[in-house]
Amino acid sequence: LFTTRSGRGIGRQLLRQALTVCRAHSPDLERITVHSAPSAVPA
């Protein structure tokens, strides 16, 4: 997950859109995971 500018909600919206795709494929989906770079943990 990468965005050129932080603080504009682009990452949040990309995640939202991705979750819509995930739910359509797996309606019972309960959790989503990520292996975050240490510096990206706050984001």
Full PDB file with SEQRES, HELIX, SHEET, SSBOND, CRYST1, ORIGX, SCALE, CONECT and MASTER records, all heavy atoms in Angstrom:
SEQRES   1 A   43  LEU PHE THR THR ARG SER GLY ARG GLY ILE GLY ARG GLN          
SEQRES   2 A   43  LEU LEU ARG GLN ALA LEU THR VAL CYS ARG ALA HIS SER          
SEQRES   3 A   43  PRO ASP LEU GLU ARG ILE THR VAL HIS SER ALA PRO SER          
SEQRES   4 A   43  ALA VAL PRO ALA                                              
HELIX    1 AA1 ILE A   10  HIS A   25  1                                  16    
HELIX    2 AA2 PRO A   38  ALA A   40  5                                   3    
CRYST1    1.000    1.000    1.000  90.00  90.00  90.00 P 1           1          
ORIGX1      1.000000  0.000000  0.000000        0.00000                         
ORIGX2      0.000000  1.000000  0.000000        0.00000                         
ORIGX3      0.000000  0.000000  1.000000        0.00000                         
SCALE1      1.000000  0.000000  0.000000        0.00000                         
SCALE2      0.000000  1.000000  0.000000        0.00000                         
SCALE3      0.000000  0.000000  1.000000        0.00000                         
ATOM      1  N   LEU A   1       0.878  -1.179   0.000  1.00  0.00           N  
ATOM      2  CA  LEU A   1       0.000   0.000   0.000  1.00  0.00           C  
ATOM      3  C   LEU A   1       0.909   1.220   0.000  1.00  0.00           C  
ATOM      4  O   LEU A   1       1.668   1.423   0.954  1.00  0.00           O  
ATOM      5  CB  LEU A   1      -0.913   0.012   1.229  1.00  0.00           C  
ATOM      6  CG  LEU A   1      -1.763   1.267   1.454  1.00  0.00           C  
ATOM      7  CD1 LEU A   1      -2.681   1.568   0.277  1.00  0.00           C  
ATOM      8  CD2 LEU A   1      -2.582   1.141   2.736  1.00  0.00           C  
ATOM      9  N   PHE A   2       0.859   1.976  -1.081  1.00  0.00           N  
ATOM     10  CA  PHE A   2       1.693   3.168  -1.200  1.00  0.00           C  
ATOM     11  C   PHE A   2       0.863   4.315  -1.770  1.00  0.00           C  
ATOM     12  O   PHE A   2       0.060   4.109  -2.682  1.00  0.00           O  
ATOM     13  CB  PHE A   2       2.878   2.919  -2.150  1.00  0.00           C  
ATOM     14  CG  PHE A   2       3.924   2.001  -1.587  1.00  0.00           C  
ATOM     15  CD1 PHE A   2       3.976   0.672  -1.986  1.00  0.00           C  
ATOM     16  CD2 PHE A   2       4.856   2.457  -0.671  1.00  0.00           C  
ATOM     17  CE1 PHE A   2       4.936  -0.187  -1.475  1.00  0.00           C  
ATOM     18  CE2 PHE A   2       5.820   1.607  -0.148  1.00  0.00           C  
ATOM     19  CZ  PHE A   2       5.862   0.288  -0.558  1.00  0.00           C  
ATOM     20  N   THR A   3       1.074   5.510  -1.228  1.00  0.00           N  
ATOM     21  CA  THR A   3       0.449   6.715  -1.778  1.00  0.00           C  
ATOM     22  C   THR A   3       1.523   7.794  -1.903  1.00  0.00           C  
ATOM     23  O   THR A   3       2.470   7.827  -1.113  1.00  0.00           O  
ATOM     24  CB  THR A   3      -0.711   7.240  -0.907  1.00  0.00           C  
ATOM     25  OG1 THR A   3      -0.193   7.634   0.363  1.00  0.00           O  
ATOM     26  CG2 THR A   3      -1.788   6.186  -0.725  1.00  0.00           C  
ATOM     27  N   THR A   4       1.349   8.658  -2.893  1.00  0.00           N  
ATOM     28  CA  THR A   4       2.352   9.691  -3.122  1.00  0.00           C  
ATOM     29  C   THR A   4       2.263  10.827  -2.110  1.00  0.00           C  
ATOM     30  O   THR A   4       3.240  11.503  -1.863  1.00  0.00           O  
ATOM     31  CB  THR A   4       2.231  10.290  -4.544  1.00  0.00           C  
ATOM     32  OG1 THR A   4       0.915  10.819  -4.706  1.00  0.00           O  
ATOM     33  CG2 THR A   4       2.521   9.244  -5.605  1.00  0.00           C  
ATOM     34  N   ARG A   5       1.081  11.025  -1.528  1.00  0.00           N  
ATOM     35  CA  ARG A   5       0.904  12.107  -0.561  1.00  0.00           C  
ATOM     36  C   ARG A   5       0.118  11.602   0.635  1.00  0.00           C  
ATOM     37  O   ARG A   5      -0.971  11.068   0.475  1.00  0.00           O  
ATOM     38  CB  ARG A   5       0.162  13.282  -1.197  1.00  0.00           C  
ATOM     39  CG  ARG A   5       1.032  14.066  -2.149  1.00  0.00           C  
ATOM     40  CD  ARG A   5       0.225  15.127  -2.859  1.00  0.00           C  
ATOM     41  NE  ARG A   5       0.351  14.854  -4.287  1.00  0.00           N  
ATOM     42  CZ  ARG A   5      -0.654  14.724  -5.116  1.00  0.00           C  
ATOM     43  NH1 ARG A   5      -1.887  14.842  -4.708  1.00  0.00           N  
ATOM     44  NH2 ARG A   5      -0.433  14.476  -6.388  1.00  0.00           N  
ATOM     45  N   SER A   6       0.672  11.793   1.810  1.00  0.00           N  
ATOM     46  CA  SER A   6      -0.053  11.350   3.006  1.00  0.00           C  
ATOM     47  C   SER A   6      -1.014  12.437   3.456  1.00  0.00           C  
ATOM     48  O   SER A   6      -0.906  13.588   3.053  1.00  0.00           O  
ATOM     49  CB  SER A   6       0.933  11.011   4.129  1.00  0.00           C  
ATOM     50  OG  SER A   6       1.681  12.156   4.456  1.00  0.00           O  
ATOM     51  N   GLY A   7      -1.964  12.047   4.265  1.00  0.00           N  
ATOM     52  CA  GLY A   7      -2.889  13.014   4.840  1.00  0.00           C  
ATOM     53  C   GLY A   7      -4.032  13.424   3.930  1.00  0.00           C  
ATOM     54  O   GLY A   7      -4.796  14.313   4.268  1.00  0.00           O  
ATOM     55  N   ARG A   8      -4.172  12.785   2.776  1.00  0.00           N  
ATOM     56  CA  ARG A   8      -5.261  13.157   1.867  1.00  0.00           C  
ATOM     57  C   ARG A   8      -6.351  12.099   1.833  1.00  0.00           C  
ATOM     58  O   ARG A   8      -7.309  12.218   1.085  1.00  0.00           O  
ATOM     59  CB  ARG A   8      -4.718  13.392   0.459  1.00  0.00           C  
ATOM     60  CG  ARG A   8      -3.770  14.578   0.429  1.00  0.00           C  
ATOM     61  CD  ARG A   8      -3.566  15.179  -0.930  1.00  0.00           C  
ATOM     62  NE  ARG A   8      -4.762  15.276  -1.718  1.00  0.00           N  
ATOM     63  CZ  ARG A   8      -4.814  14.989  -3.008  1.00  0.00           C  
ATOM     64  NH1 ARG A   8      -3.750  14.581  -3.647  1.00  0.00           N  
ATOM     65  NH2 ARG A   8      -5.936  15.110  -3.678  1.00  0.00           N  
ATOM     66  N   GLY A   9      -6.183  11.023   2.602  1.00  0.00           N  
ATOM     67  CA  GLY A   9      -7.206   9.986   2.651  1.00  0.00           C  
ATOM     68  C   GLY A   9      -7.138   8.983   1.513  1.00  0.00           C  
ATOM     69  O   GLY A   9      -8.014   8.133   1.376  1.00  0.00           O  
ATOM     70  N   ILE A  10      -6.105   9.067   0.687  1.00  0.00           N  
ATOM     71  CA  ILE A  10      -5.987   8.165  -0.452  1.00  0.00           C  
ATOM     72  C   ILE A  10      -5.760   6.725   0.020  1.00  0.00           C  
ATOM     73  O   ILE A  10      -6.402   5.795  -0.469  1.00  0.00           O  
ATOM     74  CB  ILE A  10      -4.878   8.633  -1.422  1.00  0.00           C  
ATOM     75  CG1 ILE A  10      -5.273   9.981  -2.037  1.00  0.00           C  
ATOM     76  CG2 ILE A  10      -4.618   7.586  -2.511  1.00  0.00           C  
ATOM     77  CD1 ILE A  10      -4.166  10.684  -2.801  1.00  0.00           C  
ATOM     78  N   GLY A  11      -4.883   6.534   0.987  1.00  0.00           N  
ATOM     79  CA  GLY A  11      -4.634   5.193   1.524  1.00  0.00           C  
ATOM     80  C   GLY A  11      -5.887   4.603   2.157  1.00  0.00           C  
ATOM     81  O   GLY A  11      -6.214   3.431   1.944  1.00  0.00           O  
ATOM     82  N   ARG A  12      -6.601   5.426   2.902  1.00  0.00           N  
ATOM     83  CA  ARG A  12      -7.843   4.974   3.550  1.00  0.00           C  
ATOM     84  C   ARG A  12      -8.876   4.559   2.493  1.00  0.00           C  
ATOM     85  O   ARG A  12      -9.538   3.542   2.610  1.00  0.00           O  
ATOM     86  CB  ARG A  12      -8.402   6.093   4.433  1.00  0.00           C  
ATOM     87  CG  ARG A  12      -9.664   5.720   5.184  1.00  0.00           C  
ATOM     88  CD  ARG A  12     -10.086   6.814   6.156  1.00  0.00           C  
ATOM     89  NE  ARG A  12      -9.041   7.168   7.100  1.00  0.00           N  
ATOM     90  CZ  ARG A  12      -8.766   6.488   8.214  1.00  0.00           C  
ATOM     91  NH1 ARG A  12      -9.465   5.417   8.510  1.00  0.00           N  
ATOM     92  NH2 ARG A  12      -7.797   6.871   9.015  1.00  0.00           N  
ATOM     93  N   GLN A  13      -8.989   5.358   1.437  1.00  0.00           N  
ATOM     94  CA  GLN A  13      -9.959   5.047   0.395  1.00  0.00           C  
ATOM     95  C   GLN A  13      -9.539   3.810  -0.409  1.00  0.00           C  
ATOM     96  O   GLN A  13     -10.384   2.990  -0.773  1.00  0.00           O  
ATOM     97  CB  GLN A  13     -10.156   6.249  -0.527  1.00  0.00           C  
ATOM     98  CG  GLN A  13     -11.310   6.093  -1.498  1.00  0.00           C  
ATOM     99  CD  GLN A  13     -12.660   5.890  -0.821  1.00  0.00           C  
ATOM    100  OE1 GLN A  13     -12.914   6.378   0.265  1.00  0.00           O  
ATOM    101  NE2 GLN A  13     -13.537   5.138  -1.457  1.00  0.00           N  
ATOM    102  N   LEU A  14      -8.248   3.656  -0.665  1.00  0.00           N  
ATOM    103  CA  LEU A  14      -7.770   2.444  -1.346  1.00  0.00           C  
ATOM    104  C   LEU A  14      -8.097   1.208  -0.512  1.00  0.00           C  
ATOM    105  O   LEU A  14      -8.572   0.199  -1.036  1.00  0.00           O  
ATOM    106  CB  LEU A  14      -6.260   2.515  -1.599  1.00  0.00           C  
ATOM    107  CG  LEU A  14      -5.811   3.302  -2.820  1.00  0.00           C  
ATOM    108  CD1 LEU A  14      -4.311   3.568  -2.764  1.00  0.00           C  
ATOM    109  CD2 LEU A  14      -6.180   2.562  -4.109  1.00  0.00           C  
ATOM    110  N   LEU A  15      -7.867   1.298   0.804  1.00  0.00           N  
ATOM    111  CA  LEU A  15      -8.181   0.177   1.691  1.00  0.00           C  
ATOM    112  C   LEU A  15      -9.683  -0.099   1.679  1.00  0.00           C  
ATOM    113  O   LEU A  15     -10.118  -1.253   1.590  1.00  0.00           O  
ATOM    114  CB  LEU A  15      -7.693   0.468   3.112  1.00  0.00           C  
ATOM    115  CG  LEU A  15      -7.978  -0.627   4.141  1.00  0.00           C  
ATOM    116  CD1 LEU A  15      -7.283  -1.935   3.768  1.00  0.00           C  
ATOM    117  CD2 LEU A  15      -7.529  -0.160   5.530  1.00  0.00           C  
ATOM    118  N   ARG A  16     -10.479   0.940   1.741  1.00  0.00           N  
ATOM    119  CA  ARG A  16     -11.937   0.799   1.716  1.00  0.00           C  
ATOM    120  C   ARG A  16     -12.391   0.083   0.441  1.00  0.00           C  
ATOM    121  O   ARG A  16     -13.197  -0.842   0.485  1.00  0.00           O  
ATOM    122  CB  ARG A  16     -12.563   2.186   1.800  1.00  0.00           C  
ATOM    123  CG  ARG A  16     -13.857   2.214   2.546  1.00  0.00           C  
ATOM    124  CD  ARG A  16     -14.342   3.642   2.723  1.00  0.00           C  
ATOM    125  NE  ARG A  16     -13.997   4.107   4.044  1.00  0.00           N  
ATOM    126  CZ  ARG A  16     -13.683   5.342   4.374  1.00  0.00           C  
ATOM    127  NH1 ARG A  16     -13.651   6.290   3.459  1.00  0.00           N  
ATOM    128  NH2 ARG A  16     -13.409   5.664   5.602  1.00  0.00           N  
ATOM    129  N   GLN A  17     -11.877   0.543  -0.697  1.00  0.00           N  
ATOM    130  CA  GLN A  17     -12.233  -0.063  -1.991  1.00  0.00           C  
ATOM    131  C   GLN A  17     -11.785  -1.531  -2.029  1.00  0.00           C  
ATOM    132  O   GLN A  17     -12.513  -2.394  -2.520  1.00  0.00           O  
ATOM    133  CB  GLN A  17     -11.561   0.702  -3.134  1.00  0.00           C  
ATOM    134  CG  GLN A  17     -11.965   2.145  -3.229  1.00  0.00           C  
ATOM    135  CD  GLN A  17     -13.222   2.354  -4.031  1.00  0.00           C  
ATOM    136  OE1 GLN A  17     -13.590   1.545  -4.851  1.00  0.00           O  
ATOM    137  NE2 GLN A  17     -13.891   3.465  -3.794  1.00  0.00           N  
ATOM    138  N   ALA A  18     -10.570  -1.796  -1.527  1.00  0.00           N  
ATOM    139  CA  ALA A  18     -10.050  -3.169  -1.516  1.00  0.00           C  
ATOM    140  C   ALA A  18     -10.926  -4.068  -0.649  1.00  0.00           C  
ATOM    141  O   ALA A  18     -11.207  -5.217  -1.010  1.00  0.00           O  
ATOM    142  CB  ALA A  18      -8.602  -3.178  -1.022  1.00  0.00           C  
ATOM    143  N   LEU A  19     -11.362  -3.557   0.489  1.00  0.00           N  
ATOM    144  CA  LEU A  19     -12.216  -4.356   1.376  1.00  0.00           C  
ATOM    145  C   LEU A  19     -13.548  -4.685   0.718  1.00  0.00           C  
ATOM    146  O   LEU A  19     -14.108  -5.762   0.945  1.00  0.00           O  
ATOM    147  CB  LEU A  19     -12.433  -3.641   2.706  1.00  0.00           C  
ATOM    148  CG  LEU A  19     -11.250  -3.715   3.664  1.00  0.00           C  
ATOM    149  CD1 LEU A  19     -11.464  -2.800   4.849  1.00  0.00           C  
ATOM    150  CD2 LEU A  19     -11.008  -5.144   4.121  1.00  0.00           C  
ATOM    151  N   THR A  20     -14.057  -3.780  -0.111  1.00  0.00           N  
ATOM    152  CA  THR A  20     -15.288  -4.057  -0.855  1.00  0.00           C  
ATOM    153  C   THR A  20     -15.078  -5.251  -1.782  1.00  0.00           C  
ATOM    154  O   THR A  20     -15.917  -6.151  -1.860  1.00  0.00           O  
ATOM    155  CB  THR A  20     -15.725  -2.807  -1.650  1.00  0.00           C  
ATOM    156  OG1 THR A  20     -15.972  -1.755  -0.718  1.00  0.00           O  
ATOM    157  CG2 THR A  20     -16.975  -3.073  -2.466  1.00  0.00           C  
ATOM    158  N   VAL A  21     -13.940  -5.280  -2.476  1.00  0.00           N  
ATOM    159  CA  VAL A  21     -13.602  -6.409  -3.352  1.00  0.00           C  
ATOM    160  C   VAL A  21     -13.444  -7.687  -2.520  1.00  0.00           C  
ATOM    161  O   VAL A  21     -13.962  -8.751  -2.888  1.00  0.00           O  
ATOM    162  CB  VAL A  21     -12.315  -6.122  -4.155  1.00  0.00           C  
ATOM    163  CG1 VAL A  21     -11.870  -7.343  -4.947  1.00  0.00           C  
ATOM    164  CG2 VAL A  21     -12.509  -4.916  -5.072  1.00  0.00           C  
ATOM    165  N   CYS A  22     -12.737  -7.579  -1.407  1.00  0.00           N  
ATOM    166  CA  CYS A  22     -12.505  -8.744  -0.542  1.00  0.00           C  
ATOM    167  C   CYS A  22     -13.826  -9.328  -0.043  1.00  0.00           C  
ATOM    168  O   CYS A  22     -14.025 -10.545  -0.068  1.00  0.00           O  
ATOM    169  CB  CYS A  22     -11.633  -8.360   0.653  1.00  0.00           C  
ATOM    170  SG  CYS A  22      -9.934  -7.938   0.214  1.00  0.00           S  
ATOM    171  N   ARG A  23     -14.733  -8.460   0.404  1.00  0.00           N  
ATOM    172  CA  ARG A  23     -16.023  -8.923   0.927  1.00  0.00           C  
ATOM    173  C   ARG A  23     -16.882  -9.556  -0.154  1.00  0.00           C  
ATOM    174  O   ARG A  23     -17.613 -10.499   0.106  1.00  0.00           O  
ATOM    175  CB  ARG A  23     -16.778  -7.769   1.554  1.00  0.00           C  
ATOM    176  CG  ARG A  23     -16.305  -7.454   2.932  1.00  0.00           C  
ATOM    177  CD  ARG A  23     -17.436  -6.762   3.689  1.00  0.00           C  
ATOM    178  NE  ARG A  23     -16.894  -6.073   4.813  1.00  0.00           N  
ATOM    179  CZ  ARG A  23     -16.702  -4.758   4.865  1.00  0.00           C  
ATOM    180  NH1 ARG A  23     -17.012  -3.996   3.867  1.00  0.00           N  
ATOM    181  NH2 ARG A  23     -16.205  -4.223   5.941  1.00  0.00           N  
ATOM    182  N   ALA A  24     -16.813  -9.011  -1.370  1.00  0.00           N  
ATOM    183  CA  ALA A  24     -17.585  -9.585  -2.476  1.00  0.00           C  
ATOM    184  C   ALA A  24     -17.101 -11.004  -2.764  1.00  0.00           C  
ATOM    185  O   ALA A  24     -17.893 -11.892  -3.087  1.00  0.00           O  
ATOM    186  CB  ALA A  24     -17.452  -8.716  -3.727  1.00  0.00           C  
ATOM    187  N   HIS A  25     -15.804 -11.227  -2.622  1.00  0.00           N  
ATOM    188  CA  HIS A  25     -15.231 -12.549  -2.882  1.00  0.00           C  
ATOM    189  C   HIS A  25     -15.389 -13.468  -1.678  1.00  0.00           C  
ATOM    190  O   HIS A  25     -15.609 -14.666  -1.832  1.00  0.00           O  
ATOM    191  CB  HIS A  25     -13.750 -12.411  -3.240  1.00  0.00           C  
ATOM    192  CG  HIS A  25     -13.136 -13.684  -3.686  1.00  0.00           C  
ATOM    193  ND1 HIS A  25     -12.550 -14.572  -2.824  1.00  0.00           N  
ATOM    194  CD2 HIS A  25     -13.055 -14.233  -4.914  1.00  0.00           C  
ATOM    195  CE1 HIS A  25     -12.116 -15.612  -3.507  1.00  0.00           C  
ATOM    196  NE2 HIS A  25     -12.396 -15.432  -4.781  1.00  0.00           N  
ATOM    197  N   SER A  26     -15.262 -12.919  -0.474  1.00  0.00           N  
ATOM    198  CA  SER A  26     -15.327 -13.699   0.769  1.00  0.00           C  
ATOM    199  C   SER A  26     -16.273 -13.005   1.751  1.00  0.00           C  
ATOM    200  O   SER A  26     -15.828 -12.271   2.636  1.00  0.00           O  
ATOM    201  CB  SER A  26     -13.933 -13.801   1.402  1.00  0.00           C  
ATOM    202  OG  SER A  26     -13.015 -14.354   0.504  1.00  0.00           O  
ATOM    203  N   PRO A  27     -17.583 -13.235   1.617  1.00  0.00           N  
ATOM    204  CA  PRO A  27     -18.554 -12.534   2.465  1.00  0.00           C  
ATOM    205  C   PRO A  27     -18.341 -12.745   3.970  1.00  0.00           C  
ATOM    206  O   PRO A  27     -18.727 -11.896   4.767  1.00  0.00           O  
ATOM    207  CB  PRO A  27     -19.899 -13.107   2.023  1.00  0.00           C  
ATOM    208  CG  PRO A  27     -19.659 -13.660   0.654  1.00  0.00           C  
ATOM    209  CD  PRO A  27     -18.223 -14.096   0.625  1.00  0.00           C  
ATOM    210  N   ASP A  28     -17.710 -13.847   4.357  1.00  0.00           N  
ATOM    211  CA  ASP A  28     -17.494 -14.128   5.781  1.00  0.00           C  
ATOM    212  C   ASP A  28     -16.182 -13.554   6.314  1.00  0.00           C  
ATOM    213  O   ASP A  28     -15.819 -13.823   7.458  1.00  0.00           O  
ATOM    214  CB  ASP A  28     -17.508 -15.647   6.026  1.00  0.00           C  
ATOM    215  CG  ASP A  28     -18.859 -16.254   5.688  1.00  0.00           C  
ATOM    216  OD1 ASP A  28     -19.869 -15.527   5.731  1.00  0.00           O  
ATOM    217  OD2 ASP A  28     -18.897 -17.459   5.373  1.00  0.00           O  
ATOM    218  N   LEU A  29     -15.491 -12.780   5.506  1.00  0.00           N  
ATOM    219  CA  LEU A  29     -14.209 -12.215   5.913  1.00  0.00           C  
ATOM    220  C   LEU A  29     -14.357 -11.440   7.222  1.00  0.00           C  
ATOM    221  O   LEU A  29     -15.220 -10.578   7.339  1.00  0.00           O  
ATOM    222  CB  LEU A  29     -13.690 -11.277   4.812  1.00  0.00           C  
ATOM    223  CG  LEU A  29     -12.322 -10.653   5.053  1.00  0.00           C  
ATOM    224  CD1 LEU A  29     -11.216 -11.702   4.992  1.00  0.00           C  
ATOM    225  CD2 LEU A  29     -12.069  -9.560   4.018  1.00  0.00           C  
ATOM    226  N   GLU A  30     -13.519 -11.776   8.194  1.00  0.00           N  
ATOM    227  CA  GLU A  30     -13.583 -11.102   9.498  1.00  0.00           C  
ATOM    228  C   GLU A  30     -12.398 -10.200   9.772  1.00  0.00           C  
ATOM    229  O   GLU A  30     -12.510  -9.245  10.519  1.00  0.00           O  
ATOM    230  CB  GLU A  30     -13.709 -12.141  10.610  1.00  0.00           C  
ATOM    231  CG  GLU A  30     -15.039 -12.860  10.557  1.00  0.00           C  
ATOM    232  CD  GLU A  30     -15.232 -13.807  11.726  1.00  0.00           C  
ATOM    233  OE1 GLU A  30     -14.407 -13.805  12.663  1.00  0.00           O  
ATOM    234  OE2 GLU A  30     -16.220 -14.546  11.699  1.00  0.00           O  
ATOM    235  N   ARG A  31     -11.236 -10.527   9.193  1.00  0.00           N  
ATOM    236  CA  ARG A  31     -10.058  -9.714   9.455  1.00  0.00           C  
ATOM    237  C   ARG A  31      -9.152  -9.660   8.239  1.00  0.00           C  
ATOM    238  O   ARG A  31      -9.172 -10.543   7.395  1.00  0.00           O  
ATOM    239  CB  ARG A  31      -9.284 -10.206  10.669  1.00  0.00           C  
ATOM    240  CG  ARG A  31      -8.967 -11.656  10.653  1.00  0.00           C  
ATOM    241  CD  ARG A  31      -8.331 -12.142  11.946  1.00  0.00           C  
ATOM    242  NE  ARG A  31      -6.938 -12.434  11.691  1.00  0.00           N  
ATOM    243  CZ  ARG A  31      -5.921 -11.997  12.401  1.00  0.00           C  
ATOM    244  NH1 ARG A  31      -6.110 -11.272  13.448  1.00  0.00           N  
ATOM    245  NH2 ARG A  31      -4.686 -12.293  12.081  1.00  0.00           N  
ATOM    246  N   ILE A  32      -8.381  -8.589   8.203  1.00  0.00           N  
ATOM    247  CA  ILE A  32      -7.411  -8.385   7.131  1.00  0.00           C  
ATOM    248  C   ILE A  32      -6.065  -8.117   7.800  1.00  0.00           C  
ATOM    249  O   ILE A  32      -6.015  -7.516   8.872  1.00  0.00           O  
ATOM    250  CB  ILE A  32      -7.861  -7.244   6.185  1.00  0.00           C  
ATOM    251  CG1 ILE A  32      -6.977  -7.206   4.947  1.00  0.00           C  
ATOM    252  CG2 ILE A  32      -7.958  -5.926   6.887  1.00  0.00           C  
ATOM    253  CD1 ILE A  32      -7.595  -6.433   3.785  1.00  0.00           C  
ATOM    254  N   THR A  33      -5.002  -8.618   7.190  1.00  0.00           N  
ATOM    255  CA  THR A  33      -3.680  -8.503   7.798  1.00  0.00           C  
ATOM    256  C   THR A  33      -2.735  -7.709   6.892  1.00  0.00           C  
ATOM    257  O   THR A  33      -3.003  -7.501   5.714  1.00  0.00           O  
ATOM    258  CB  THR A  33      -3.076  -9.904   8.054  1.00  0.00           C  
ATOM    259  OG1 THR A  33      -3.010 -10.622   6.810  1.00  0.00           O  
ATOM    260  CG2 THR A  33      -3.915 -10.685   9.055  1.00  0.00           C  
ATOM    261  N   VAL A  34      -1.613  -7.309   7.477  1.00  0.00           N  
ATOM    262  CA  VAL A  34      -0.559  -6.619   6.738  1.00  0.00           C  
ATOM    263  C   VAL A  34       0.753  -6.862   7.469  1.00  0.00           C  
ATOM    264  O   VAL A  34       0.765  -7.044   8.702  1.00  0.00           O  
ATOM    265  CB  VAL A  34      -0.850  -5.102   6.612  1.00  0.00           C  
ATOM    266  CG1 VAL A  34      -0.789  -4.392   7.962  1.00  0.00           C  
ATOM    267  CG2 VAL A  34       0.100  -4.442   5.609  1.00  0.00           C  
ATOM    268  N   HIS A  35       1.840  -6.906   6.727  1.00  0.00           N  
ATOM    269  CA  HIS A  35       3.188  -6.899   7.307  1.00  0.00           C  
ATOM    270  C   HIS A  35       3.721  -5.494   7.070  1.00  0.00           C  
ATOM    271  O   HIS A  35       4.191  -5.179   5.978  1.00  0.00           O  
ATOM    272  CB  HIS A  35       4.083  -7.944   6.636  1.00  0.00           C  
ATOM    273  CG  HIS A  35       3.719  -9.342   6.993  1.00  0.00           C  
ATOM    274  ND1 HIS A  35       4.223 -10.434   6.325  1.00  0.00           N  
ATOM    275  CD2 HIS A  35       2.902  -9.841   7.948  1.00  0.00           C  
ATOM    276  CE1 HIS A  35       3.737 -11.538   6.857  1.00  0.00           C  
ATOM    277  NE2 HIS A  35       2.930 -11.198   7.842  1.00  0.00           N  
ATOM    278  N   SER A  36       3.612  -4.641   8.082  1.00  0.00           N  
ATOM    279  CA  SER A  36       3.947  -3.232   7.958  1.00  0.00           C  
ATOM    280  C   SER A  36       5.441  -2.990   8.137  1.00  0.00           C  
ATOM    281  O   SER A  36       6.056  -3.528   9.060  1.00  0.00           O  
ATOM    282  CB  SER A  36       3.190  -2.433   9.022  1.00  0.00           C  
ATOM    283  OG  SER A  36       3.624  -1.089   9.029  1.00  0.00           O  
ATOM    284  N   ALA A  37       6.005  -2.143   7.274  1.00  0.00           N  
ATOM    285  CA  ALA A  37       7.360  -1.653   7.533  1.00  0.00           C  
ATOM    286  C   ALA A  37       7.299  -0.941   8.886  1.00  0.00           C  
ATOM    287  O   ALA A  37       6.284  -0.307   9.214  1.00  0.00           O  
ATOM    288  CB  ALA A  37       7.794  -0.690   6.445  1.00  0.00           C  
ATOM    289  N   PRO A  38       8.359  -1.054   9.694  1.00  0.00           N  
ATOM    290  CA  PRO A  38       8.318  -0.412  11.017  1.00  0.00           C  
ATOM    291  C   PRO A  38       7.903   1.062  10.970  1.00  0.00           C  
ATOM    292  O   PRO A  38       7.108   1.509  11.794  1.00  0.00           O  
ATOM    293  CB  PRO A  38       9.748  -0.579  11.530  1.00  0.00           C  
ATOM    294  CG  PRO A  38      10.209  -1.851  10.879  1.00  0.00           C  
ATOM    295  CD  PRO A  38       9.591  -1.815   9.492  1.00  0.00           C  
ATOM    296  N   SER A  39       8.386   1.814   9.996  1.00  0.00           N  
ATOM    297  CA  SER A  39       8.060   3.239   9.928  1.00  0.00           C  
ATOM    298  C   SER A  39       6.612   3.497   9.529  1.00  0.00           C  
ATOM    299  O   SER A  39       6.096   4.588   9.734  1.00  0.00           O  
ATOM    300  CB  SER A  39       8.989   3.941   8.933  1.00  0.00           C  
ATOM    301  OG  SER A  39       8.839   3.383   7.639  1.00  0.00           O  
ATOM    302  N   ALA A  40       5.929   2.490   8.967  1.00  0.00           N  
ATOM    303  CA  ALA A  40       4.536   2.669   8.534  1.00  0.00           C  
ATOM    304  C   ALA A  40       3.522   2.234   9.589  1.00  0.00           C  
ATOM    305  O   ALA A  40       2.318   2.412   9.389  1.00  0.00           O  
ATOM    306  CB  ALA A  40       4.293   1.893   7.239  1.00  0.00           C  
ATOM    307  N   VAL A  41       3.981   1.704  10.720  1.00  0.00           N  
ATOM    308  CA  VAL A  41       3.059   1.235  11.758  1.00  0.00           C  
ATOM    309  C   VAL A  41       2.070   2.323  12.183  1.00  0.00           C  
ATOM    310  O   VAL A  41       0.864   2.064  12.249  1.00  0.00           O  
ATOM    311  CB  VAL A  41       3.828   0.647  12.962  1.00  0.00           C  
ATOM    312  CG1 VAL A  41       2.913   0.440  14.170  1.00  0.00           C  
ATOM    313  CG2 VAL A  41       4.493  -0.676  12.567  1.00  0.00           C  
ATOM    314  N   PRO A  42       2.514   3.568  12.446  1.00  0.00           N  
ATOM    315  CA  PRO A  42       1.531   4.600  12.839  1.00  0.00           C  
ATOM    316  C   PRO A  42       0.458   4.842  11.778  1.00  0.00           C  
ATOM    317  O   PRO A  42      -0.713   5.047  12.104  1.00  0.00           O  
ATOM    318  CB  PRO A  42       2.387   5.852  13.063  1.00  0.00           C  
ATOM    319  CG  PRO A  42       3.758   5.321  13.376  1.00  0.00           C  
ATOM    320  CD  PRO A  42       3.897   4.074  12.530  1.00  0.00           C  
ATOM    321  N   ALA A  43       0.847   4.793  10.507  1.00  0.00           N  
ATOM    322  CA  ALA A  43      -0.141   4.998   9.430  1.00  0.00           C  
ATOM    323  C   ALA A  43      -1.156   3.859   9.434  1.00  0.00           C  
ATOM    324  O   ALA A  43      -2.362   4.093   9.301  1.00  0.00           O  
ATOM    325  CB  ALA A  43       0.566   5.080   8.081  1.00  0.00           C  
TER     326      ALA A  43                                                      
MASTER        0    0    0    2    0    0    0    6  325    1    0    4          
END                                                                             
